[in-house]
Amino acid sequence: MKPLVKLSLLGFAAAALVLMVTIAHAQNPLPSWNDGLPKKAIVEFVMKVTKEGSPDFVPPAERIATFDNDGTL
């Protein structure tokens, strides 16, 4: 097989792998969090403010998140 074809196939395979991992990760928001009231509250809040047509919708340009040095909200 020619080197260019091998390189193209390798690039395609890498892109497909990244896409599959991204999709699998997106199925569980906050996968490292334990299921409970805090996780449920955060997920519900994010769904309300990001769903167009919701009375609580916040346009992307107006969304702000603040983190301290250890990464918490």
Protein backbone atom coordinates (compact mmCIF):
# COMPACT_ATOMS: atom_id res chain seq x y z
CA MET A 1 0.00 0.00 0.00
CA LYS A 2 1.29 3.45 -0.81
CA PRO A 3 2.44 5.62 2.10
CA LEU A 4 -0.08 8.36 1.30
CA VAL A 5 -2.97 5.89 1.34
CA LYS A 6 -1.75 4.43 4.64
CA LEU A 7 -1.47 7.90 6.15
CA SER A 8 -4.95 8.83 4.94
CA LEU A 9 -6.46 5.66 6.38
CA LEU A 10 -4.66 6.22 9.68
CA GLY A 11 -5.97 9.79 9.85
CA PHE A 12 -9.51 8.65 9.10
CA ALA A 13 -9.32 5.92 11.75
CA ALA A 14 -8.03 8.40 14.34
CA ALA A 15 -10.82 10.87 13.56
CA ALA A 16 -13.44 8.12 13.80
CA LEU A 17 -12.04 7.01 17.17
CA VAL A 18 -12.15 10.56 18.55
CA LEU A 19 -15.75 10.94 17.34
CA MET A 20 -16.83 7.66 18.95
CA VAL A 21 -15.21 8.56 22.28
CA THR A 22 -16.85 11.99 22.22
CA ILE A 23 -20.29 10.50 21.56
CA ALA A 24 -19.86 7.86 24.27
CA HIS A 25 -18.74 10.49 26.78
CA ALA A 26 -21.65 12.81 25.95
CA GLN A 27 -24.22 10.15 26.86
CA ASN A 28 -23.57 10.64 30.59
CA PRO A 29 -23.19 14.26 31.65
CA LEU A 30 -20.79 14.57 34.58
CA PRO A 31 -19.68 10.91 34.42
CA SER A 32 -17.31 11.26 37.37
CA TRP A 33 -20.09 12.58 39.66
CA ASN A 34 -22.13 10.28 41.90
CA ASP A 35 -25.84 10.19 41.09
CA GLY A 36 -27.69 12.33 43.58
CA LEU A 37 -29.47 15.62 44.15
CA PRO A 38 -26.49 17.92 43.38
CA LYS A 39 -25.82 16.23 40.01
CA LYS A 40 -29.53 16.19 39.16
CA ALA A 41 -29.89 19.90 40.04
CA ILE A 42 -26.91 20.94 37.91
CA VAL A 43 -28.00 18.86 34.90
CA GLU A 44 -31.58 20.18 35.11
CA PHE A 45 -30.33 23.77 35.41
CA VAL A 46 -28.08 23.43 32.36
CA MET A 47 -30.90 21.85 30.35
CA LYS A 48 -33.27 24.72 31.25
CA VAL A 49 -30.88 27.53 30.38
CA THR A 50 -29.60 25.95 27.14
CA LYS A 51 -32.92 24.85 25.60
CA GLU A 52 -34.14 27.42 23.08
CA GLY A 53 -37.75 28.34 23.74
CA SER A 54 -37.43 27.71 27.47
CA PRO A 55 -38.45 30.67 29.66
CA ASP A 56 -35.07 30.29 31.40
CA PHE A 57 -33.03 30.21 28.14
CA VAL A 58 -29.77 32.16 28.27
CA PRO A 59 -28.15 33.01 24.91
CA PRO A 60 -24.61 31.62 24.55
CA ALA A 61 -23.07 35.10 24.45
CA GLU A 62 -24.55 35.84 27.89
CA ARG A 63 -23.48 32.59 29.60
CA ILE A 64 -20.75 32.99 32.21
CA ALA A 65 -19.17 30.38 34.49
CA THR A 66 -16.72 31.20 37.26
CA PHE A 67 -14.26 28.64 38.62
CA ASP A 68 -11.83 28.92 41.50
CA ASN A 69 -8.34 27.41 41.47
CA ASP A 70 -9.38 23.84 42.26
CA GLY A 71 -11.91 23.71 39.43
CA THR A 72 -15.12 23.93 41.43
CA LEU A 73 -17.95 26.28 40.57
